[in-house]
Amino acid sequence: MKKIKLALLAAGIGIAVMTGCTKLNEEVLDESSVTGLTDKQIAEGIIAPVYAKLPDIWLHTNYFALQEISTDEAILPYRGGTDWGDNGIYLSLHKHETTSTDPNVRNTWNNVLQGASRAITAINTLPENKDPNAALFLAEAKAMRAYYSMLTLDLFGLVFVKDNLNEASKILRGPEAVEYIKAELLAVEPVLDNTTGPGRLTKAGVWGLLARLHLNAAVYRDRYAATFDFKKEDMDKVVEYCDKIIGTPQFALSADYFSLFDDANHNNKELIFVVDQRADLNGHNRMAYFSISGDQFPLPAYPGANGTDGPAITSDFYRAWANATAPLDPAVADPRFYKQNLSIYTNPADSCVEASQFNINRGILRGQQYGLVREGGVFLKCADGKMKVRKLFYDTRSKPTLAVDFTEQVDFTVAGSNYNSGYRVSKYEFSKTSVSGRNFGEHDIVILRLADVYLMRAEAKLRRGDAATTALADVNTVRAARTATTPAAPLATITLDLLLRERGFEFYWEAQRRTDMVRFGKYEGTWTEKTNTDKQKRIFPIPQTAIDGASNLPGYLAQNPGY
């Protein structure tokens, strides 16, 4: 026990106690606090920190920004010439001009490697633990190390291999990295079960990671290839693992698309692996506030909980959706695009709403926005005590004549960088139970869900040359599932280009776009404000701080080409 205590303290991690079989809560204690804990408490305390870095990785300005703002889906201009400037890092990210000193790249790198380090600590300490669950926790720690390795491989093109805390890591790239991750996941799959998710890695979660690994293996093996070689044996494995998940009865596609991103989404049966953000786990994410206006206030109880006028949907991405559903508006044709919660949008007389019934609209927000109006630090109310709802203006930006009227145009020009430029995304719901709503989102952040499994299987079928009808059936199964409202009409045909488009519609704002665009050969394309076609930008630079930190080991950590 002493050895475990010292290993934990040396690694700088906390001891945690689980309050239920699926809840991992990290609580930092000193060494004296460890004394007297049972093997069960110690085992739980070792595994919890392995998961505890996920919220930091998935912070809106870390992994999410790298995966979305670098693509044709999202753009973050210098708002009004005063906000979100950040020394130009978001402009550079979108234009594929990111440098090795970018703080979001550095923070993502550091958080992923800290998660991997915690997994290694757990792998070294759990074998000595006598609790019956220690073997399961050990398998989870190894699976999480593999997940963190998948992130470094996808983002930076390398994997660190290390089993002993006192050893230097070995660096793998290309085919060796793919085989290493695959072996790690296959080794733990038999030990895991399907009862502890979605906040912990399960057998199904590992199947999903294996499917993703095989689907992207052609990219990972030859990062700068002119065309990727999608091997049939890889596509066979994608289908095999997706079949396993689809055949697991506990998972089901959600009839209500936006319920996947609700405040209380933890028990949604479509979710397979998530960042567990429930309130008693100190959930902390800002996914709900990142894009919407600073004059949109989603919570009547919190006059300080508003948006930030961050990233917007590019016109390119919006046009792809509008063209796909024409002559119907995408809000009518596809329930994934938009969900109206405030009736004033279609009935201007409905300007008074019970506080308990107030919800901002969800999905992609266009045009004039309506909502709560804050004056003197409080919200206006109607004569009957209900919340007053009316047209919004940029009062918080001291621009009371500028309407919160989201435009399609968004770019790096003066007009395209105004506070109201660009259609916004309100996909994740504001928390109704946290202390501020703005800073503490308590919805689970989706890492893997069942719809992705169907669409991965469809893609693998297309890439291995199956009849397109079988892939089309998978795509249309997902489209038809959203029956809470009128589902999207079935597609008549499917191609790889159409499948990439469909993945964009299904997974927008879920940090999938960059990986998808690289795999489909579209990342060197041209879109709003982006003309760089350098294939070396398929991965990000290794942070300069990491290069400097390894300078005492000549040749150990080389910068990625092109940086």
Protein backbone atom coordinates (compact mmCIF):
# COMPACT_ATOMS: atom_id res chain seq x y z
CA MET A 1 0.00 0.00 0.00
CA LYS A 2 2.86 2.37 0.80
CA LYS A 3 4.26 1.84 -2.68
CA ILE A 4 0.90 2.70 -4.23
CA LYS A 5 0.59 5.84 -2.14
CA LEU A 6 4.01 7.11 -3.07
CA ALA A 7 3.53 6.32 -6.76
CA LEU A 8 0.33 8.30 -6.79
CA LEU A 9 1.83 11.25 -5.03
CA ALA A 10 4.94 11.25 -7.19
CA ALA A 11 2.78 11.33 -10.30
CA GLY A 12 0.91 14.35 -8.98
CA ILE A 13 -2.53 12.79 -9.18
CA GLY A 14 -5.36 12.68 -6.69
CA ILE A 15 -7.08 9.89 -4.87
CA ALA A 16 -10.70 9.52 -5.89
CA VAL A 17 -13.71 7.68 -4.55
CA MET A 18 -16.47 6.49 -6.83
CA THR A 19 -19.99 7.29 -5.72
CA GLY A 20 -21.47 4.70 -8.06
CA CYS A 21 -20.38 2.10 -10.56
CA THR A 22 -20.22 4.62 -13.40
CA LYS A 23 -19.21 7.81 -11.60
CA LEU A 24 -15.57 8.76 -11.25
CA ASN A 25 -14.97 11.72 -8.99
CA GLU A 26 -11.45 13.03 -8.45
CA GLU A 27 -10.68 14.40 -5.02
CA VAL A 28 -7.16 15.51 -4.17
CA LEU A 29 -5.89 14.25 -0.81
CA ASP A 30 -2.54 14.34 0.89
CA GLU A 31 -0.59 11.20 1.81
CA SER A 32 -1.95 11.09 5.34
CA SER A 33 -5.49 10.99 3.98
CA VAL A 34 -4.71 7.75 2.16
CA THR A 35 -4.00 5.94 5.41
CA GLY A 36 -6.86 3.65 6.36
CA LEU A 37 -8.46 3.44 2.93
CA THR A 38 -9.61 0.06 1.76
CA ASP A 39 -8.24 -1.68 -1.32
CA LYS A 40 -11.49 -0.81 -3.04
CA GLN A 41 -11.12 2.90 -2.29
CA ILE A 42 -7.49 2.89 -3.38
CA ALA A 43 -8.29 1.04 -6.62
CA GLU A 44 -11.05 3.49 -7.40
CA GLY A 45 -8.71 6.34 -6.56
CA ILE A 46 -6.12 5.05 -9.00
CA ILE A 47 -8.46 4.69 -11.98
CA ALA A 48 -10.44 7.93 -11.55
CA PRO A 49 -7.61 10.32 -12.51
CA VAL A 50 -7.12 8.37 -15.74
CA TYR A 51 -10.48 9.70 -16.90
CA ALA A 52 -10.22 13.07 -15.19
CA LYS A 53 -8.18 14.72 -17.96
CA LEU A 54 -10.93 14.20 -20.52
CA PRO A 55 -12.80 17.43 -19.63
CA ASP A 56 -9.58 19.42 -20.10
CA ILE A 57 -8.87 17.79 -23.45
CA TRP A 58 -12.43 18.44 -24.63
CA LEU A 59 -12.45 22.05 -23.45
CA HIS A 60 -13.91 24.21 -26.22
CA THR A 61 -10.57 25.90 -26.98
CA ASN A 62 -8.50 22.72 -26.99
CA TYR A 63 -9.34 19.55 -28.92
CA PHE A 64 -12.67 20.91 -30.14
CA ALA A 65 -11.04 23.98 -31.66
CA LEU A 66 -8.34 21.96 -33.40
CA GLN A 67 -10.88 19.55 -34.85
CA GLU A 68 -13.51 22.09 -35.92
CA ILE A 69 -12.05 25.53 -36.55
CA SER A 70 -9.37 24.06 -38.84
CA THR A 71 -12.10 22.77 -41.19
CA ASP A 72 -14.79 23.90 -43.61
CA GLU A 73 -17.33 23.67 -40.81
CA ALA A 74 -16.35 26.35 -38.28
CA ILE A 75 -14.66 29.73 -38.34
CA LEU A 76 -13.79 32.17 -35.55
CA PRO A 77 -13.08 35.71 -36.81
CA TYR A 78 -11.69 38.63 -34.83
CA ARG A 79 -15.09 39.74 -33.53
CA GLY A 80 -15.61 43.47 -33.91
CA GLY A 81 -11.85 43.89 -34.04
CA THR A 82 -11.71 43.50 -30.25
CA ASP A 83 -12.78 39.98 -29.25
CA TRP A 84 -11.29 36.55 -29.97
CA GLY A 85 -8.16 38.11 -31.43
CA ASP A 86 -5.86 35.96 -29.29
CA ASN A 87 -2.81 36.98 -31.33
CA GLY A 88 -4.41 35.57 -34.46
CA ILE A 89 -4.35 31.90 -33.41
CA TYR A 90 -7.93 31.20 -34.53
CA LEU A 91 -7.38 32.94 -37.87
CA SER A 92 -4.21 30.89 -38.38
CA LEU A 93 -5.91 27.68 -37.31
CA HIS A 94 -8.63 28.10 -39.91
CA LYS A 95 -6.14 29.04 -42.65
CA HIS A 96 -3.82 26.10 -41.82
CA GLU A 97 -1.06 28.43 -40.70
CA THR A 98 -0.82 27.24 -37.10
CA THR A 99 2.64 27.41 -35.53
CA SER A 100 4.37 25.36 -32.85
CA THR A 101 3.80 28.13 -30.28
CA ASP A 102 -0.01 28.02 -30.56
CA PRO A 103 -1.34 27.75 -26.97
CA ASN A 104 -4.34 25.60 -27.95
CA VAL A 105 -2.03 23.09 -29.63
CA ARG A 106 0.22 23.14 -26.56
CA ASN A 107 -2.65 22.74 -24.11
CA THR A 108 -4.18 19.87 -26.07
CA TRP A 109 -0.80 18.12 -26.28
CA ASN A 110 -0.14 18.58 -22.56
CA ASN A 111 -3.58 17.39 -21.47
CA VAL A 112 -3.50 14.30 -23.67
CA LEU A 113 -0.04 13.32 -22.44
CA GLN A 114 -1.01 13.96 -18.83
CA GLY A 115 -3.94 11.60 -19.32
CA ALA A 116 -1.60 9.00 -20.77
CA SER A 117 0.79 9.49 -17.85
CA ARG A 118 -2.01 8.88 -15.38
CA ALA A 119 -2.93 5.73 -17.26
CA ILE A 120 0.65 4.49 -16.97
CA THR A 121 0.59 5.21 -13.23
CA ALA A 122 -2.57 3.15 -12.91
CA ILE A 123 -1.10 0.34 -15.01
CA ASN A 124 1.90 0.21 -12.68
CA THR A 125 -0.04 0.33 -9.41
CA LEU A 126 -3.27 -1.60 -9.96
CA PRO A 127 -1.65 -5.07 -10.26
CA GLU A 128 -0.74 -4.88 -6.57
CA ASN A 129 -4.28 -4.07 -5.51
CA LYS A 130 -6.40 -6.89 -4.02
CA ASP A 131 -9.83 -5.44 -4.75
CA PRO A 132 -11.93 -7.68 -7.07
CA ASN A 133 -12.44 -4.76 -9.47
CA ALA A 134 -8.73 -4.06 -9.83
CA ALA A 135 -8.42 -6.26 -12.93
CA LEU A 136 -11.28 -4.41 -14.63
CA PHE A 137 -9.77 -1.05 -13.71
CA LEU A 138 -6.41 -2.20 -15.07
CA ALA A 139 -8.03 -3.08 -18.39
CA GLU A 140 -9.73 0.32 -18.47
CA ALA A 141 -6.43 2.08 -17.78
CA LYS A 142 -4.79 0.25 -20.68
CA ALA A 143 -7.75 1.03 -22.94
CA MET A 144 -7.57 4.70 -21.97
CA ARG A 145 -3.85 4.75 -22.69
CA ALA A 146 -4.70 3.42 -26.14
CA TYR A 147 -7.36 6.13 -26.56
CA TYR A 148 -4.89 8.85 -25.63
CA SER A 149 -2.43 7.28 -28.07
CA MET A 150 -5.08 7.47 -30.80
CA LEU A 151 -5.42 11.19 -30.12
CA THR A 152 -1.68 11.86 -30.38
CA LEU A 153 -1.48 9.74 -33.53
CA ASP A 154 -4.41 11.53 -35.16
CA LEU A 155 -3.39 15.04 -34.13
CA PHE A 156 0.42 14.88 -34.17
CA GLY A 157 1.35 11.73 -36.07
CA LEU A 158 3.09 9.87 -33.26
CA VAL A 159 2.56 7.62 -30.27
CA PHE A 160 4.56 7.41 -27.05
CA VAL A 161 5.11 3.86 -25.77
CA LYS A 162 5.98 3.46 -22.12
CA ASP A 163 5.18 0.82 -19.52
CA ASN A 164 7.46 1.74 -16.65
CA LEU A 165 7.26 5.18 -15.08
CA ASN A 166 11.03 5.32 -14.75
CA GLU A 167 11.74 4.58 -18.41
CA ALA A 168 11.92 6.99 -21.32
CA SER A 169 9.13 6.64 -23.84
CA LYS A 170 9.68 5.10 -27.23
CA ILE A 171 8.17 7.04 -30.13
CA LEU A 172 6.25 5.20 -32.85
CA ARG A 173 4.88 6.54 -36.10
CA GLY A 174 3.11 5.10 -39.11
CA PRO A 175 2.32 1.36 -39.32
CA GLU A 176 4.10 0.60 -36.03
CA ALA A 177 1.89 3.06 -34.18
CA VAL A 178 -1.27 1.57 -35.66
CA GLU A 179 -0.25 -1.98 -34.73
CA TYR A 180 0.67 -0.92 -31.20
CA ILE A 181 -2.71 0.69 -30.51
CA LYS A 182 -4.55 -2.22 -32.06
CA ALA A 183 -2.68 -4.71 -29.89
CA GLU A 184 -3.37 -2.68 -26.76
CA LEU A 185 -7.11 -2.58 -27.41
CA LEU A 186 -7.35 -6.24 -28.38
CA ALA A 187 -5.52 -7.26 -25.19
CA VAL A 188 -8.06 -5.63 -22.87
CA GLU A 189 -11.28 -6.23 -24.81
CA PRO A 190 -11.98 -9.65 -23.23
CA VAL A 191 -11.70 -8.22 -19.70
CA LEU A 192 -14.07 -5.29 -20.16
CA ASP A 193 -17.84 -5.47 -19.86
CA ASN A 194 -20.75 -3.38 -21.12
CA THR A 195 -22.23 -2.31 -17.78
CA THR A 196 -20.11 0.65 -16.68
CA GLY A 197 -20.51 3.12 -19.56
CA PRO A 198 -20.85 5.58 -21.06
CA GLY A 199 -18.52 7.56 -18.80
CA ARG A 200 -16.02 4.69 -18.71
CA LEU A 201 -14.59 2.60 -21.50
CA THR A 202 -16.50 -0.64 -22.01
CA LYS A 203 -16.21 -3.57 -24.37
CA ALA A 204 -18.42 -1.71 -26.86
CA GLY A 205 -16.31 1.41 -26.45
CA VAL A 206 -13.19 -0.56 -27.36
CA TRP A 207 -14.98 -2.06 -30.37
CA GLY A 208 -15.80 1.47 -31.48
CA LEU A 209 -12.19 2.62 -31.04
CA LEU A 210 -10.97 -0.38 -33.00
CA ALA A 211 -13.43 0.43 -35.78
CA ARG A 212 -12.15 4.02 -35.88
CA LEU A 213 -8.55 2.84 -35.87
CA HIS A 214 -9.06 0.49 -38.81
CA LEU A 215 -11.12 3.09 -40.69
CA ASN A 216 -8.31 5.65 -40.40
CA ALA A 217 -5.42 3.19 -40.63
CA ALA A 218 -4.68 4.10 -44.24
CA VAL A 219 -4.16 7.72 -43.15
CA TYR A 220 -2.09 6.84 -40.11
CA ARG A 221 0.19 4.47 -42.03
CA ASP A 222 1.06 6.97 -44.76
CA ARG A 223 0.16 10.43 -43.54
CA TYR A 224 1.13 12.42 -46.62
CA ALA A 225 0.04 10.00 -49.32
CA ALA A 226 -1.44 11.42 -52.52
CA THR A 227 -4.23 8.87 -52.13
CA PHE A 228 -4.87 6.59 -49.18
CA ASP A 229 -4.81 2.81 -49.50
CA PHE A 230 -7.89 1.55 -47.66
CA LYS A 231 -7.11 -2.14 -47.31
CA LYS A 232 -9.97 -4.59 -47.50
CA GLU A 233 -8.83 -6.35 -44.34
CA ASP A 234 -9.13 -3.05 -42.45
CA MET A 235 -12.60 -2.41 -43.82
CA ASP A 236 -13.61 -5.97 -42.91
CA LYS A 237 -12.58 -5.25 -39.32
CA VAL A 238 -14.55 -2.00 -39.29
CA VAL A 239 -17.66 -3.91 -40.32
CA GLU A 240 -16.96 -6.67 -37.80
CA TYR A 241 -16.63 -4.31 -34.83
CA CYS A 242 -19.58 -2.19 -35.89
CA ASP A 243 -21.68 -5.35 -36.22
CA LYS A 244 -20.79 -6.24 -32.64
CA ILE A 245 -21.96 -2.87 -31.31
CA ILE A 246 -25.12 -2.75 -33.40
CA GLY A 247 -25.93 -6.25 -32.19
CA THR A 248 -25.65 -5.20 -28.53
CA PRO A 249 -29.26 -4.68 -27.34
CA GLN A 250 -28.50 -1.96 -24.80
CA PHE A 251 -27.71 0.59 -27.52
CA ALA A 252 -30.38 2.29 -29.61
CA LEU A 253 -30.57 5.31 -31.89
CA SER A 254 -32.27 8.25 -30.21
CA ALA A 255 -35.65 9.31 -31.60
CA ASP A 256 -34.94 12.91 -30.47
CA TYR A 257 -31.69 14.11 -32.03
CA PHE A 258 -31.11 17.01 -29.66
CA SER A 259 -31.72 14.88 -26.57
CA LEU A 260 -28.25 13.49 -27.30
CA PHE A 261 -26.90 16.87 -26.23
CA ASP A 262 -29.34 17.75 -23.45
CA ASP A 263 -28.28 18.77 -19.98
CA ALA A 264 -29.31 15.32 -18.68
CA ASN A 265 -28.09 13.07 -21.49
CA HIS A 266 -26.09 10.53 -19.51
CA ASN A 267 -28.60 7.71 -19.85
CA ASN A 268 -29.33 8.20 -23.54
CA LYS A 269 -29.04 4.75 -25.11
CA GLU A 270 -27.24 6.03 -28.19
CA LEU A 271 -24.19 7.07 -26.18
CA ILE A 272 -21.32 4.57 -26.05
CA PHE A 273 -18.36 6.58 -24.73
CA VAL A 274 -18.52 10.13 -23.35
CA VAL A 275 -16.81 12.70 -21.19
CA ASP A 276 -18.84 12.29 -18.01
CA GLN A 277 -19.82 15.80 -16.93
CA ARG A 278 -22.59 15.26 -14.42
CA ALA A 279 -22.94 17.75 -11.60
CA ASP A 280 -21.59 15.57 -8.80
CA LEU A 281 -18.46 15.01 -10.87
CA ASN A 282 -17.69 18.72 -11.05
CA GLY A 283 -18.61 18.89 -14.72
CA HIS A 284 -16.95 21.84 -16.44
CA ASN A 285 -17.40 22.63 -20.09
CA ARG A 286 -18.51 25.61 -22.12
CA MET A 287 -19.77 23.88 -25.24
CA ALA A 288 -23.22 25.46 -24.84
CA TYR A 289 -22.06 29.08 -24.65
CA PHE A 290 -19.10 29.09 -27.05
CA SER A 291 -20.91 30.06 -30.26
CA ILE A 292 -24.04 32.00 -29.30
CA SER A 293 -24.35 35.76 -28.83
CA GLY A 294 -23.26 37.63 -25.75
CA ASP A 295 -26.83 38.95 -25.65
CA GLN A 296 -28.43 35.52 -25.59
CA PHE A 297 -29.24 34.51 -22.02
CA PRO A 298 -30.52 30.92 -21.90
CA LEU A 299 -31.21 30.74 -18.14
CA PRO A 300 -33.77 32.94 -16.38
CA ALA A 301 -32.14 32.10 -13.05
CA TYR A 302 -28.70 33.39 -14.08
CA PRO A 303 -28.42 36.90 -15.57
CA GLY A 304 -24.66 36.31 -15.90
CA ALA A 305 -24.97 33.24 -18.09
CA ASN A 306 -24.71 34.35 -21.69
CA GLY A 307 -22.90 33.49 -24.89
CA THR A 308 -19.58 34.72 -26.15
CA ASP A 309 -19.95 35.29 -29.92
CA GLY A 310 -17.35 32.66 -30.70
CA PRO A 311 -17.17 30.42 -33.76
CA ALA A 312 -19.81 30.28 -36.46
CA ILE A 313 -20.78 27.83 -39.17
CA THR A 314 -19.05 28.72 -42.43
CA SER A 315 -21.15 29.71 -45.38
CA ASP A 316 -19.65 26.75 -47.25
CA PHE A 317 -20.98 24.25 -44.71
CA TYR A 318 -24.36 25.93 -44.47
CA ARG A 319 -24.74 26.06 -48.25
CA ALA A 320 -23.98 22.34 -48.51
CA TRP A 321 -26.92 21.63 -46.20
CA ALA A 322 -29.27 24.15 -47.85
CA ASN A 323 -28.46 22.77 -51.30
CA ALA A 324 -28.95 19.20 -50.13
CA THR A 325 -32.51 19.87 -48.95
CA ALA A 326 -33.60 22.37 -51.62
CA PRO A 327 -36.27 23.40 -52.37
CA LEU A 328 -37.09 22.77 -48.70
CA ASP A 329 -35.38 24.81 -46.02
CA PRO A 330 -33.01 22.59 -44.01
CA ALA A 331 -34.85 23.48 -40.79
CA VAL A 332 -37.97 21.91 -42.28
CA ALA A 333 -36.31 19.02 -44.07
CA ASP A 334 -33.90 17.76 -41.40
CA PRO A 335 -34.55 17.58 -37.63
CA ARG A 336 -30.81 17.66 -36.97
CA PHE A 337 -30.51 21.19 -38.32
CA TYR A 338 -32.77 23.11 -35.97
CA LYS A 339 -35.24 22.79 -33.11
CA GLN A 340 -37.53 25.70 -32.22
CA ASN A 341 -38.24 26.06 -28.50
CA LEU A 342 -39.41 29.69 -28.36
CA SER A 343 -42.77 30.17 -30.03
CA ILE A 344 -42.22 33.88 -30.67
CA TYR A 345 -40.26 32.96 -33.80
CA THR A 346 -43.42 31.79 -35.51
CA ASN A 347 -45.96 33.70 -33.39
CA PRO A 348 -44.75 37.23 -32.58
CA ALA A 349 -47.51 37.65 -29.98
CA ASP A 350 -45.96 35.01 -27.70
CA SER A 351 -43.68 37.45 -25.90
CA CYS A 352 -44.24 36.29 -22.31
CA VAL A 353 -42.88 32.90 -21.20
CA GLU A 354 -42.91 31.11 -17.86
CA ALA A 355 -39.38 30.96 -16.50
CA SER A 356 -39.64 27.19 -16.06
CA GLN A 357 -40.61 26.82 -19.74
CA PHE A 358 -37.98 29.10 -21.23
CA ASN A 359 -35.51 27.37 -23.57
CA ILE A 360 -33.50 28.90 -26.37
CA ASN A 361 -33.67 27.27 -29.76
CA ARG A 362 -31.22 24.53 -30.65
CA GLY A 363 -29.17 23.62 -33.66
CA ILE A 364 -28.04 26.13 -36.26
CA LEU A 365 -29.38 29.60 -35.45
CA ARG A 366 -30.03 32.04 -38.29
CA GLY A 367 -31.40 35.55 -38.60
CA GLN A 368 -32.95 37.74 -35.92
CA GLN A 369 -32.73 36.22 -32.45
CA TYR A 370 -35.25 36.65 -29.65
CA GLY A 371 -34.81 36.05 -25.96
CA LEU A 372 -34.53 37.45 -22.48
CA VAL A 373 -33.57 41.11 -22.17
CA ARG A 374 -31.28 42.16 -19.33
CA GLU A 375 -31.45 45.72 -18.00
CA GLY A 376 -29.66 46.85 -14.88
CA GLY A 377 -28.48 43.31 -14.21
CA VAL A 378 -31.98 41.78 -14.15
CA PHE A 379 -34.30 40.36 -16.78
CA LEU A 380 -37.41 42.21 -17.85
CA LYS A 381 -40.71 40.65 -16.92
CA CYS A 382 -44.24 40.92 -18.23
CA ALA A 383 -47.05 42.31 -16.07
CA ASP A 384 -48.10 38.78 -15.13
CA GLY A 385 -44.61 37.95 -13.83
CA LYS A 386 -43.58 35.86 -16.81
CA MET A 387 -40.25 36.42 -18.54
CA LYS A 388 -40.31 39.10 -21.23
CA VAL A 389 -39.07 37.85 -24.63
CA ARG A 390 -38.32 40.21 -27.51
CA LYS A 391 -35.83 41.04 -30.25
CA LEU A 392 -32.24 41.07 -29.09
CA PHE A 393 -29.63 43.76 -29.68
CA TYR A 394 -25.95 43.88 -28.79
CA ASP A 395 -26.39 45.75 -25.52
CA THR A 396 -23.55 43.85 -23.83
CA ARG A 397 -21.18 45.08 -26.55
CA SER A 398 -22.41 48.68 -26.14
CA LYS A 399 -23.94 48.45 -29.60
CA PRO A 400 -27.66 48.85 -28.82
CA THR A 401 -28.54 49.49 -32.47
CA LEU A 402 -26.86 46.34 -33.77
CA ALA A 403 -29.44 43.56 -33.85
CA VAL A 404 -28.53 40.03 -32.87
CA ASP A 405 -29.37 39.08 -36.43
CA PHE A 406 -27.07 36.29 -37.54
CA THR A 407 -25.96 36.59 -41.15
CA GLU A 408 -24.72 33.93 -43.52
CA GLN A 409 -21.60 35.94 -44.30
CA VAL A 410 -18.74 35.26 -41.94
CA ASP A 411 -15.10 35.76 -42.86
CA PHE A 412 -12.08 37.80 -41.89
CA THR A 413 -13.24 41.07 -43.48
CA VAL A 414 -14.55 43.88 -41.29
CA ALA A 415 -18.15 43.12 -42.29
CA GLY A 416 -17.69 39.37 -41.91
CA SER A 417 -16.11 39.73 -38.47
CA ASN A 418 -18.85 41.71 -36.81
CA TYR A 419 -20.51 40.34 -33.70
CA ASN A 420 -23.57 39.18 -35.60
CA SER A 421 -21.73 37.59 -38.54
CA GLY A 422 -22.20 33.90 -39.18
CA TYR A 423 -24.90 31.41 -38.31
CA ARG A 424 -24.36 30.04 -34.80
CA VAL A 425 -24.55 26.64 -33.19
CA SER A 426 -26.59 25.86 -30.09
CA LYS A 427 -26.22 22.10 -30.10
CA TYR A 428 -25.45 21.39 -26.45
CA GLU A 429 -28.05 22.56 -23.94
CA PHE A 430 -27.22 25.07 -21.24
CA SER A 431 -27.13 23.45 -17.82
CA LYS A 432 -30.22 24.20 -15.76
CA THR A 433 -28.75 22.97 -12.48
CA SER A 434 -25.19 24.25 -12.25
CA VAL A 435 -24.08 27.30 -10.33
CA SER A 436 -23.73 29.51 -13.39
CA GLY A 437 -24.92 27.66 -16.45
CA ARG A 438 -22.30 29.36 -18.57
CA ASN A 439 -19.10 27.96 -17.15
CA PHE A 440 -20.24 24.58 -15.90
CA GLY A 441 -21.97 22.56 -18.58
CA GLU A 442 -23.16 19.24 -17.17
CA HIS A 443 -24.14 17.40 -20.31
CA ASP A 444 -21.87 14.51 -21.21
CA ILE A 445 -19.69 15.39 -24.20
CA VAL A 446 -20.05 12.77 -26.90
CA ILE A 447 -16.93 10.86 -27.94
CA LEU A 448 -18.67 7.88 -29.59
CA ARG A 449 -22.32 7.19 -30.27
CA LEU A 450 -24.31 4.60 -32.18
CA ALA A 451 -25.00 6.77 -35.23
CA ASP A 452 -21.26 6.93 -35.82
CA VAL A 453 -21.11 3.15 -35.72
CA TYR A 454 -23.72 2.89 -38.49
CA LEU A 455 -21.96 5.49 -40.64
CA MET A 456 -18.53 3.93 -40.09
CA ARG A 457 -19.97 0.61 -41.23
CA ALA A 458 -21.50 2.28 -44.28
CA GLU A 459 -18.17 3.85 -45.19
CA ALA A 460 -16.26 0.61 -44.79
CA LYS A 461 -18.77 -1.17 -47.03
CA LEU A 462 -18.32 1.46 -49.73
CA ARG A 463 -14.54 1.41 -49.48
CA ARG A 464 -14.32 -2.39 -49.77
CA GLY A 465 -16.58 -2.43 -52.79
CA ASP A 466 -19.87 -3.77 -51.43
CA ALA A 467 -23.06 -3.01 -53.26
CA ALA A 468 -23.94 0.57 -52.39
CA THR A 469 -27.39 -0.52 -51.29
CA THR A 470 -26.07 -2.01 -48.05
CA ALA A 471 -24.23 1.20 -47.14
CA LEU A 472 -27.28 3.23 -48.10
CA ALA A 473 -29.40 1.17 -45.72
CA ASP A 474 -27.10 2.08 -42.82
CA VAL A 475 -27.22 5.78 -43.67
CA ASN A 476 -30.99 5.79 -44.01
CA THR A 477 -31.37 3.87 -40.74
CA VAL A 478 -29.79 6.83 -38.95
CA ARG A 479 -31.83 9.40 -40.87
CA ALA A 480 -35.08 7.55 -40.20
CA ALA A 481 -34.41 7.14 -36.48
CA ARG A 482 -35.15 10.77 -35.49
CA THR A 483 -38.88 10.25 -35.17
CA ALA A 484 -39.55 12.74 -32.35
CA THR A 485 -40.31 15.08 -35.24
CA THR A 486 -40.55 14.34 -38.95
CA PRO A 487 -37.31 12.53 -39.82
CA ALA A 488 -35.15 13.45 -42.77
CA ALA A 489 -36.24 11.84 -46.02
CA PRO A 490 -34.24 8.77 -47.05
CA LEU A 491 -31.44 9.24 -49.52
CA ALA A 492 -31.90 7.61 -52.90
CA THR A 493 -28.23 6.84 -53.41
CA ILE A 494 -24.92 6.99 -51.57
CA THR A 495 -21.34 7.71 -52.61
CA LEU A 496 -18.25 8.54 -50.60
CA ASP A 497 -18.77 12.26 -51.23
CA LEU A 498 -22.39 12.02 -50.10
CA LEU A 499 -21.32 10.04 -47.05
CA LEU A 500 -18.87 12.75 -46.00
CA ARG A 501 -21.67 15.27 -46.42
CA GLU A 502 -23.96 13.09 -44.30
CA ARG A 503 -21.32 12.76 -41.59
CA GLY A 504 -21.13 16.54 -41.53
CA PHE A 505 -24.87 16.84 -41.01
CA GLU A 506 -24.95 14.18 -38.30
CA PHE A 507 -21.80 15.10 -36.35
CA TYR A 508 -21.41 18.86 -36.77
CA TRP A 509 -19.87 20.47 -33.69
CA GLU A 510 -18.77 17.05 -32.32
CA ALA A 511 -15.02 17.36 -33.08
CA GLN A 512 -15.06 14.85 -35.93
CA ARG A 513 -14.72 17.08 -38.96
CA ARG A 514 -10.94 17.38 -39.32
CA THR A 515 -10.35 13.64 -39.04
CA ASP A 516 -13.15 13.00 -41.53
CA MET A 517 -11.90 15.56 -44.04
CA VAL A 518 -8.38 14.16 -43.96
CA ARG A 519 -9.64 10.60 -44.47
CA PHE A 520 -11.87 11.63 -47.38
CA GLY A 521 -9.06 13.61 -49.03
CA LYS A 522 -10.77 16.98 -48.62
CA TYR A 523 -8.58 18.70 -46.03
CA GLU A 524 -6.40 20.38 -48.66
CA GLY A 525 -9.48 21.94 -50.24
CA THR A 526 -10.46 25.60 -50.40
CA TRP A 527 -13.21 27.15 -48.32
CA THR A 528 -14.05 30.39 -46.54
CA GLU A 529 -10.75 32.23 -45.91
CA LYS A 530 -8.71 29.05 -46.44
CA THR A 531 -6.61 28.41 -49.56
CA ASN A 532 -3.62 26.51 -48.13
CA THR A 533 -3.28 23.14 -49.90
CA ASP A 534 -0.20 21.90 -48.04
CA LYS A 535 -0.74 18.21 -47.19
CA GLN A 536 1.76 18.53 -44.34
CA LYS A 537 -0.92 20.45 -42.45
CA ARG A 538 -2.91 17.23 -42.05
CA ILE A 539 -1.31 17.04 -38.63
CA PHE A 540 -0.42 19.79 -36.18
CA PRO A 541 3.02 20.89 -35.07
CA ILE A 542 4.55 19.41 -31.98
CA PRO A 543 4.53 22.24 -29.43
CA GLN A 544 7.80 24.12 -29.21
CA THR A 545 7.77 23.66 -25.44
CA ALA A 546 7.87 19.88 -25.97
CA ILE A 547 10.71 20.17 -28.49
CA ASP A 548 12.64 22.37 -26.06
CA GLY A 549 11.94 20.00 -23.18
CA ALA A 550 13.46 17.10 -25.09
CA SER A 551 16.50 19.06 -26.26
CA ASN A 552 18.77 17.10 -23.91
CA LEU A 553 17.97 13.99 -25.98
CA PRO A 554 19.25 14.85 -29.48
CA GLY A 555 17.07 13.41 -32.22
CA TYR A 556 14.45 12.09 -29.80
CA LEU A 557 11.53 14.39 -30.65
CA ALA A 558 11.69 15.79 -34.17
CA GLN A 559 9.27 18.46 -35.36
CA ASN A 560 6.67 17.39 -37.91
CA PRO A 561 7.52 18.28 -41.53
CA GLY A 562 6.30 21.68 -42.65
CA TYR A 563 6.61 23.36 -39.26
